[in-house]
């Protein structure tokens, strides 16, 4: 004898409702083309894209740290380059060099009587710019003058030094009573040329005019 659904016990009806809900839910989850299945696919794609983007961001963070390190190294190298340009400038800067000489002489109590720029000598990576100078003053002041030249920011070599005593008033220039030594020497400084300028030395570089102080 058949029993209708309405006549079935309530717990049977509840079980049937639960079973029907499970079937509908499974159909919505796994049936291709259903809204729920499409939403699950889209969500998975978004998760995959998120994971890929996270990997790319991690890689870019490494490059960001490297970029910061690179900029620090570049700043340090630029400071070193500026220091080197002070030691060996890109141009002659002869006027500045003569001011350095005169400053060292004044600080030491030495008189530079004569200064003649010699011919510039071209080397492979730099140029030599020699000057012949004539100085006089107390002996220890002369020593201090050369010591000061060695401590200047620009590289200076001193050569062909000749010193002689001053006595009997036989001097070319009026000197102070404390002056005991006079002499000549060649002071040489160096410079380079900018990278955008040809480093081929010009033929027949001539000495510049002499400077005499009294």
C-alpha atoms as a PDB file:
ATOM      1  CA  UNK A   1       0.000   0.000   0.000  1.00  0.00           C
ATOM      2  CA  UNK A   2       1.594   3.260  -1.171  1.00  0.00           C
ATOM      3  CA  UNK A   3       2.017   6.150   1.269  1.00  0.00           C
ATOM      4  CA  UNK A   4       2.025   9.734  -0.007  1.00  0.00           C
ATOM      5  CA  UNK A   5       4.853  12.138   0.915  1.00  0.00           C
ATOM      6  CA  UNK A   6       2.553  14.191   3.100  1.00  0.00           C
ATOM      7  CA  UNK A   7       1.548  11.088   5.044  1.00  0.00           C
ATOM      8  CA  UNK A   8       5.177  10.096   5.676  1.00  0.00           C
ATOM      9  CA  UNK A   9       6.593  10.685   9.176  1.00  0.00           C
ATOM     10  CA  UNK A  10       8.142  14.072   9.713  1.00  0.00           C
ATOM     11  CA  UNK A  11      11.678  12.743  10.108  1.00  0.00           C
ATOM     12  CA  UNK A  12      11.373  10.955   6.759  1.00  0.00           C
ATOM     13  CA  UNK A  13      10.310  14.235   5.185  1.00  0.00           C
ATOM     14  CA  UNK A  14      13.257  16.034   6.858  1.00  0.00           C
ATOM     15  CA  UNK A  15      15.728  13.454   5.540  1.00  0.00           C
ATOM     16  CA  UNK A  16      14.293  13.800   2.046  1.00  0.00           C
ATOM     17  CA  UNK A  17      14.610  17.587   2.215  1.00  0.00           C
ATOM     18  CA  UNK A  18      18.234  17.292   3.375  1.00  0.00           C
ATOM     19  CA  UNK A  19      19.054  14.787   0.646  1.00  0.00           C
ATOM     20  CA  UNK A  20      17.463  17.058  -1.965  1.00  0.00           C
ATOM     21  CA  UNK A  21      19.459  20.055  -0.712  1.00  0.00           C
ATOM     22  CA  UNK A  22      22.697  18.056  -0.895  1.00  0.00           C
ATOM     23  CA  UNK A  23      21.913  16.975  -4.453  1.00  0.00           C
ATOM     24  CA  UNK A  24      21.111  20.545  -5.526  1.00  0.00           C
ATOM     25  CA  UNK A  25      24.253  21.880  -3.842  1.00  0.00           C
ATOM     26  CA  UNK A  26      26.448  19.247  -5.483  1.00  0.00           C
ATOM     27  CA  UNK A  27      24.853  19.967  -8.821  1.00  0.00           C
ATOM     28  CA  UNK A  28      25.547  23.673  -8.405  1.00  0.00           C
ATOM     29  CA  UNK A  29      29.141  23.080  -7.334  1.00  0.00           C
ATOM     30  CA  UNK A  30      30.229  20.590  -9.954  1.00  0.00           C
ATOM     31  CA  UNK A  31      27.924  21.048 -12.921  1.00  0.00           C
ATOM     32  CA  UNK A  32      29.944  22.786 -15.691  1.00  0.00           C
ATOM     33  CA  UNK A  33      28.580  26.231 -16.534  1.00  0.00           C
ATOM     34  CA  UNK A  34      26.702  26.694 -13.308  1.00  0.00           C
ATOM     35  CA  UNK A  35      27.104  30.075 -11.553  1.00  0.00           C
ATOM     36  CA  UNK A  36      28.663  28.480  -8.501  1.00  0.00           C
ATOM     37  CA  UNK A  37      31.206  26.512 -10.546  1.00  0.00           C
ATOM     38  CA  UNK A  38      32.062  29.632 -12.563  1.00  0.00           C
ATOM     39  CA  UNK A  39      32.540  31.619  -9.360  1.00  0.00           C
ATOM     40  CA  UNK A  40      34.849  28.919  -8.005  1.00  0.00           C
ATOM     41  CA  UNK A  41      36.891  28.998 -11.238  1.00  0.00           C
ATOM     42  CA  UNK A  42      37.153  32.791 -11.154  1.00  0.00           C
ATOM     43  CA  UNK A  43      38.193  32.710  -7.519  1.00  0.00           C
ATOM     44  CA  UNK A  44      40.913  30.165  -8.249  1.00  0.00           C
ATOM     45  CA  UNK A  45      42.193  32.261 -11.142  1.00  0.00           C
ATOM     46  CA  UNK A  46      42.353  35.306  -8.876  1.00  0.00           C
ATOM     47  CA  UNK A  47      44.282  33.329  -6.297  1.00  0.00           C
ATOM     48  CA  UNK A  48      46.723  32.146  -8.969  1.00  0.00           C
ATOM     49  CA  UNK A  49      47.188  35.737 -10.179  1.00  0.00           C
ATOM     50  CA  UNK A  50      47.741  36.883  -6.600  1.00  0.00           C
ATOM     51  CA  UNK A  51      50.418  34.243  -6.059  1.00  0.00           C
ATOM     52  CA  UNK A  52      52.131  35.249  -9.322  1.00  0.00           C
ATOM     53  CA  UNK A  53      52.035  38.932  -8.403  1.00  0.00           C
ATOM     54  CA  UNK A  54      53.445  38.173  -4.960  1.00  0.00           C
ATOM     55  CA  UNK A  55      56.366  36.371  -6.596  1.00  0.00           C
ATOM     56  CA  UNK A  56      56.960  39.331  -8.928  1.00  0.00           C
ATOM     57  CA  UNK A  57      56.797  41.778  -6.022  1.00  0.00           C
ATOM     58  CA  UNK A  58      59.325  39.687  -4.084  1.00  0.00           C
ATOM     59  CA  UNK A  59      61.657  39.775  -7.079  1.00  0.00           C
ATOM     60  CA  UNK A  60      61.247  43.542  -7.467  1.00  0.00           C
ATOM     61  CA  UNK A  61      61.999  44.074  -3.767  1.00  0.00           C
ATOM     62  CA  UNK A  62      65.363  42.390  -4.334  1.00  0.00           C
ATOM     63  CA  UNK A  63      66.058  44.786  -7.216  1.00  0.00           C
ATOM     64  CA  UNK A  64      64.915  47.705  -5.059  1.00  0.00           C
ATOM     65  CA  UNK A  65      67.459  46.789  -2.383  1.00  0.00           C
ATOM     66  CA  UNK A  66      70.125  46.373  -5.060  1.00  0.00           C
ATOM     67  CA  UNK A  67      69.189  49.758  -6.543  1.00  0.00           C
ATOM     68  CA  UNK A  68      69.612  51.411  -3.152  1.00  0.00           C
ATOM     69  CA  UNK A  69      73.010  49.769  -2.725  1.00  0.00           C
ATOM     70  CA  UNK A  70      73.951  50.809  -6.257  1.00  0.00           C
ATOM     71  CA  UNK A  71      73.014  54.439  -5.578  1.00  0.00           C
ATOM     72  CA  UNK A  72      75.080  54.448  -2.379  1.00  0.00           C
ATOM     73  CA  UNK A  73      78.051  53.080  -4.292  1.00  0.00           C
ATOM     74  CA  UNK A  74      77.532  55.679  -7.042  1.00  0.00           C
ATOM     75  CA  UNK A  75      77.451  58.512  -4.504  1.00  0.00           C
ATOM     76  CA  UNK A  76      80.656  57.223  -2.894  1.00  0.00           C
ATOM     77  CA  UNK A  77      82.358  56.979  -6.294  1.00  0.00           C
ATOM     78  CA  UNK A  78      81.215  60.494  -7.222  1.00  0.00           C
ATOM     79  CA  UNK A  79      82.759  61.831  -4.011  1.00  0.00           C
ATOM     80  CA  UNK A  80      85.990  60.004  -4.793  1.00  0.00           C
ATOM     81  CA  UNK A  81      85.921  61.446  -8.314  1.00  0.00           C
ATOM     82  CA  UNK A  82      85.488  64.973  -6.982  1.00  0.00           C
ATOM     83  CA  UNK A  83      88.429  64.408  -4.638  1.00  0.00           C
ATOM     84  CA  UNK A  84      90.545  63.114  -7.513  1.00  0.00           C
ATOM     85  CA  UNK A  85      89.598  66.149  -9.602  1.00  0.00           C
ATOM     86  CA  UNK A  86      90.991  68.321  -6.823  1.00  0.00           C
ATOM     87  CA  UNK A  87      94.234  66.340  -6.759  1.00  0.00           C
ATOM     88  CA  UNK A  88      94.552  66.094 -10.564  1.00  0.00           C
ATOM     89  CA  UNK A  89      92.094  68.533 -12.202  1.00  0.00           C
ATOM     90  CA  UNK A  90      90.731  68.075 -15.698  1.00  0.00           C
ATOM     91  CA  UNK A  91      92.175  71.368 -16.933  1.00  0.00           C
ATOM     92  CA  UNK A  92      95.393  73.297 -16.389  1.00  0.00           C
ATOM     93  CA  UNK A  93      93.960  75.715 -13.823  1.00  0.00           C
ATOM     94  CA  UNK A  94      97.317  77.493 -13.920  1.00  0.00           C
ATOM     95  CA  UNK A  95      95.999  80.594 -12.139  1.00  0.00           C
ATOM     96  CA  UNK A  96      94.739  78.496  -9.228  1.00  0.00           C
ATOM     97  CA  UNK A  97      98.054  76.641  -9.098  1.00  0.00           C
ATOM     98  CA  UNK A  98     100.021  79.896  -8.892  1.00  0.00           C
ATOM     99  CA  UNK A  99      97.721  81.068  -6.111  1.00  0.00           C
ATOM    100  CA  UNK A 100      98.494  77.845  -4.229  1.00  0.00           C
ATOM    101  CA  UNK A 101     102.236  78.490  -4.630  1.00  0.00           C
ATOM    102  CA  UNK A 102     101.942  82.079  -3.488  1.00  0.00           C
ATOM    103  CA  UNK A 103      99.771  81.073  -0.521  1.00  0.00           C
ATOM    104  CA  UNK A 104     102.320  78.492   0.620  1.00  0.00           C
ATOM    105  CA  UNK A 105     105.147  81.020   0.213  1.00  0.00           C
ATOM    106  CA  UNK A 106     103.327  83.726   2.163  1.00  0.00           C
ATOM    107  CA  UNK A 107     102.468  81.308   4.975  1.00  0.00           C
ATOM    108  CA  UNK A 108     106.120  80.233   5.213  1.00  0.00           C
ATOM    109  CA  UNK A 109     107.646  83.710   4.990  1.00  0.00           C
ATOM    110  CA  UNK A 110     109.299  82.954   1.641  1.00  0.00           C
ATOM    111  CA  UNK A 111     109.430  85.271  -1.367  1.00  0.00           C
ATOM    112  CA  UNK A 112     108.816  83.913  -4.885  1.00  0.00           C
ATOM    113  CA  UNK A 113     110.901  86.235  -7.061  1.00  0.00           C
ATOM    114  CA  UNK A 114     110.468  84.654 -10.469  1.00  0.00           C
ATOM    115  CA  UNK A 115     108.042  82.128 -11.949  1.00  0.00           C
ATOM    116  CA  UNK A 116     108.231  80.843 -15.522  1.00  0.00           C
ATOM    117  CA  UNK A 117     105.787  78.331 -17.002  1.00  0.00           C
ATOM    118  CA  UNK A 118     107.594  75.673 -19.022  1.00  0.00           C
ATOM    119  CA  UNK A 119     106.256  73.635 -21.931  1.00  0.00           C
ATOM    120  CA  UNK A 120     103.464  71.201 -21.037  1.00  0.00           C
ATOM    121  CA  UNK A 121     104.547  67.562 -21.357  1.00  0.00           C
ATOM    122  CA  UNK A 122     101.942  65.073 -22.617  1.00  0.00           C
ATOM    123  CA  UNK A 123     101.916  61.622 -21.053  1.00  0.00           C
ATOM    124  CA  UNK A 124      99.692  58.649 -21.815  1.00  0.00           C
ATOM    125  CA  UNK A 125      96.999  59.434 -19.274  1.00  0.00           C
ATOM    126  CA  UNK A 126      97.861  62.933 -18.058  1.00  0.00           C
ATOM    127  CA  UNK A 127      99.796  66.120 -18.729  1.00  0.00           C
ATOM    128  CA  UNK A 128     102.712  67.544 -16.766  1.00  0.00           C
ATOM    129  CA  UNK A 129     102.781  71.316 -16.263  1.00  0.00           C
ATOM    130  CA  UNK A 130     106.203  72.453 -14.930  1.00  0.00           C
ATOM    131  CA  UNK A 131     107.124  75.877 -13.597  1.00  0.00           C
ATOM    132  CA  UNK A 132     110.594  77.177 -12.822  1.00  0.00           C
ATOM    133  CA  UNK A 133     110.606  79.350  -9.725  1.00  0.00           C
ATOM    134  CA  UNK A 134     113.166  81.444  -7.884  1.00  0.00           C
ATOM    135  CA  UNK A 135     112.726  81.850  -4.126  1.00  0.00           C
ATOM    136  CA  UNK A 136     114.556  83.321  -1.163  1.00  0.00           C
ATOM    137  CA  UNK A 137     114.050  83.520   2.579  1.00  0.00           C
ATOM    138  CA  UNK A 138     115.322  82.109   5.868  1.00  0.00           C
ATOM    139  CA  UNK A 139     116.564  78.534   5.577  1.00  0.00           C
ATOM    140  CA  UNK A 140     113.908  76.977   7.791  1.00  0.00           C
ATOM    141  CA  UNK A 141     111.238  79.018   6.033  1.00  0.00           C
ATOM    142  CA  UNK A 142     112.382  77.520   2.722  1.00  0.00           C
ATOM    143  CA  UNK A 143     112.134  74.060   4.283  1.00  0.00           C
ATOM    144  CA  UNK A 144     108.627  74.865   5.555  1.00  0.00           C
ATOM    145  CA  UNK A 145     107.638  76.161   2.100  1.00  0.00           C
ATOM    146  CA  UNK A 146     108.482  72.847   0.434  1.00  0.00           C
ATOM    147  CA  UNK A 147     106.760  70.956   3.241  1.00  0.00           C
ATOM    148  CA  UNK A 148     103.613  73.000   2.644  1.00  0.00           C
ATOM    149  CA  UNK A 149     103.759  72.226  -1.071  1.00  0.00           C
ATOM    150  CA  UNK A 150     103.723  68.504  -0.235  1.00  0.00           C
ATOM    151  CA  UNK A 151     100.542  68.957   1.798  1.00  0.00           C
ATOM    152  CA  UNK A 152      98.537  70.875  -0.807  1.00  0.00           C
ATOM    153  CA  UNK A 153      95.430  69.255  -2.271  1.00  0.00           C
ATOM    154  CA  UNK A 154      96.967  69.266  -5.744  1.00  0.00           C
ATOM    155  CA  UNK A 155      99.888  66.946  -6.508  1.00  0.00           C
ATOM    156  CA  UNK A 156     103.159  68.899  -6.816  1.00  0.00           C
ATOM    157  CA  UNK A 157     106.621  67.520  -7.511  1.00  0.00           C
ATOM    158  CA  UNK A 158     109.753  69.550  -6.800  1.00  0.00           C
ATOM    159  CA  UNK A 159     112.956  68.909  -8.763  1.00  0.00           C
ATOM    160  CA  UNK A 160     116.192  70.481  -9.993  1.00  0.00           C
ATOM    161  CA  UNK A 161     116.576  72.250  -6.656  1.00  0.00           C
ATOM    162  CA  UNK A 162     119.578  74.545  -6.308  1.00  0.00           C
ATOM    163  CA  UNK A 163     120.170  76.579  -3.124  1.00  0.00           C
ATOM    164  CA  UNK A 164     122.898  79.018  -2.226  1.00  0.00           C
ATOM    165  CA  UNK A 165     123.621  81.239   0.731  1.00  0.00           C
ATOM    166  CA  UNK A 166     122.851  84.960   0.674  1.00  0.00           C
ATOM    167  CA  UNK A 167     125.573  87.226   2.029  1.00  0.00           C
ATOM    168  CA  UNK A 168     127.399  90.463   1.388  1.00  0.00           C
ATOM    169  CA  UNK A 169     124.251  92.111   0.044  1.00  0.00           C
ATOM    170  CA  UNK A 170     124.843  90.646  -3.441  1.00  0.00           C
ATOM    171  CA  UNK A 171     121.259  89.788  -4.455  1.00  0.00           C
ATOM    172  CA  UNK A 172     119.147  90.630  -7.475  1.00  0.00           C
ATOM    173  CA  UNK A 173     116.229  91.745  -5.306  1.00  0.00           C
ATOM    174  CA  UNK A 174     115.970  93.631  -2.033  1.00  0.00           C
ATOM    175  CA  UNK A 175     115.743  91.005   0.734  1.00  0.00           C
ATOM    176  CA  UNK A 176     114.873  91.075   4.389  1.00  0.00           C
ATOM    177  CA  UNK A 177     117.662  90.897   6.962  1.00  0.00           C
ATOM    178  CA  UNK A 178     116.550  87.389   7.973  1.00  0.00           C
ATOM    179  CA  UNK A 179     116.983  86.019   4.461  1.00  0.00           C
ATOM    180  CA  UNK A 180     119.820  83.504   4.364  1.00  0.00           C
ATOM    181  CA  UNK A 181     119.052  81.272   1.356  1.00  0.00           C
ATOM    182  CA  UNK A 182     118.092  81.801  -2.281  1.00  0.00           C
ATOM    183  CA  UNK A 183     117.595  79.244  -4.971  1.00  0.00           C
ATOM    184  CA  UNK A 184     115.733  77.905  -7.975  1.00  0.00           C
ATOM    185  CA  UNK A 185     113.748  74.762  -8.598  1.00  0.00           C
ATOM    186  CA  UNK A 186     111.169  73.263 -10.913  1.00  0.00           C
ATOM    187  CA  UNK A 187     107.724  72.610  -9.489  1.00  0.00           C
ATOM    188  CA  UNK A 188     105.537  70.324 -11.584  1.00  0.00           C
ATOM    189  CA  UNK A 189     101.828  69.736 -11.281  1.00  0.00           C
ATOM    190  CA  UNK A 190      99.515  67.532 -13.318  1.00  0.00           C
ATOM    191  CA  UNK A 191      96.158  67.661 -15.066  1.00  0.00           C
ATOM    192  CA  UNK A 192      94.004  65.495 -17.300  1.00  0.00           C
ATOM    193  CA  UNK A 193      91.671  66.343 -20.125  1.00  0.00           C
ATOM    194  CA  UNK A 194      87.867  65.854 -19.955  1.00  0.00           C
ATOM    195  CA  UNK A 195      86.583  62.639 -21.502  1.00  0.00           C
ATOM    196  CA  UNK A 196      84.835  64.555 -24.315  1.00  0.00           C
ATOM    197  CA  UNK A 197      88.056  66.325 -25.356  1.00  0.00           C
ATOM    198  CA  UNK A 198      90.694  64.735 -27.560  1.00  0.00           C
ATOM    199  CA  UNK A 199      93.826  63.840 -25.598  1.00  0.00           C
ATOM    200  CA  UNK A 200      96.122  64.121 -28.651  1.00  0.00           C
ATOM    201  CA  UNK A 201      98.855  66.582 -27.606  1.00  0.00           C
ATOM    202  CA  UNK A 202      99.197  69.663 -29.670  1.00  0.00           C
ATOM    203  CA  UNK A 203     102.462  69.948 -31.565  1.00  0.00           C
ATOM    204  CA  UNK A 204     104.985  72.476 -30.384  1.00  0.00           C
ATOM    205  CA  UNK A 205     103.425  73.531 -27.083  1.00  0.00           C
ATOM    206  CA  UNK A 206     105.181  76.744 -26.119  1.00  0.00           C
ATOM    207  CA  UNK A 207     105.986  78.065 -22.632  1.00  0.00           C
ATOM    208  CA  UNK A 208     103.776  80.835 -21.340  1.00  0.00           C
ATOM    209  CA  UNK A 209     105.102  84.172 -20.225  1.00  0.00           C
ATOM    210  CA  UNK A 210     107.135  84.596 -17.071  1.00  0.00           C
ATOM    211  CA  UNK A 211     105.839  86.201 -13.891  1.00  0.00           C
ATOM    212  CA  UNK A 212     108.253  88.218 -11.781  1.00  0.00           C
ATOM    213  CA  UNK A 213     107.549  89.513  -8.276  1.00  0.00           C
ATOM    214  CA  UNK A 214     109.582  92.044  -6.413  1.00  0.00           C
END
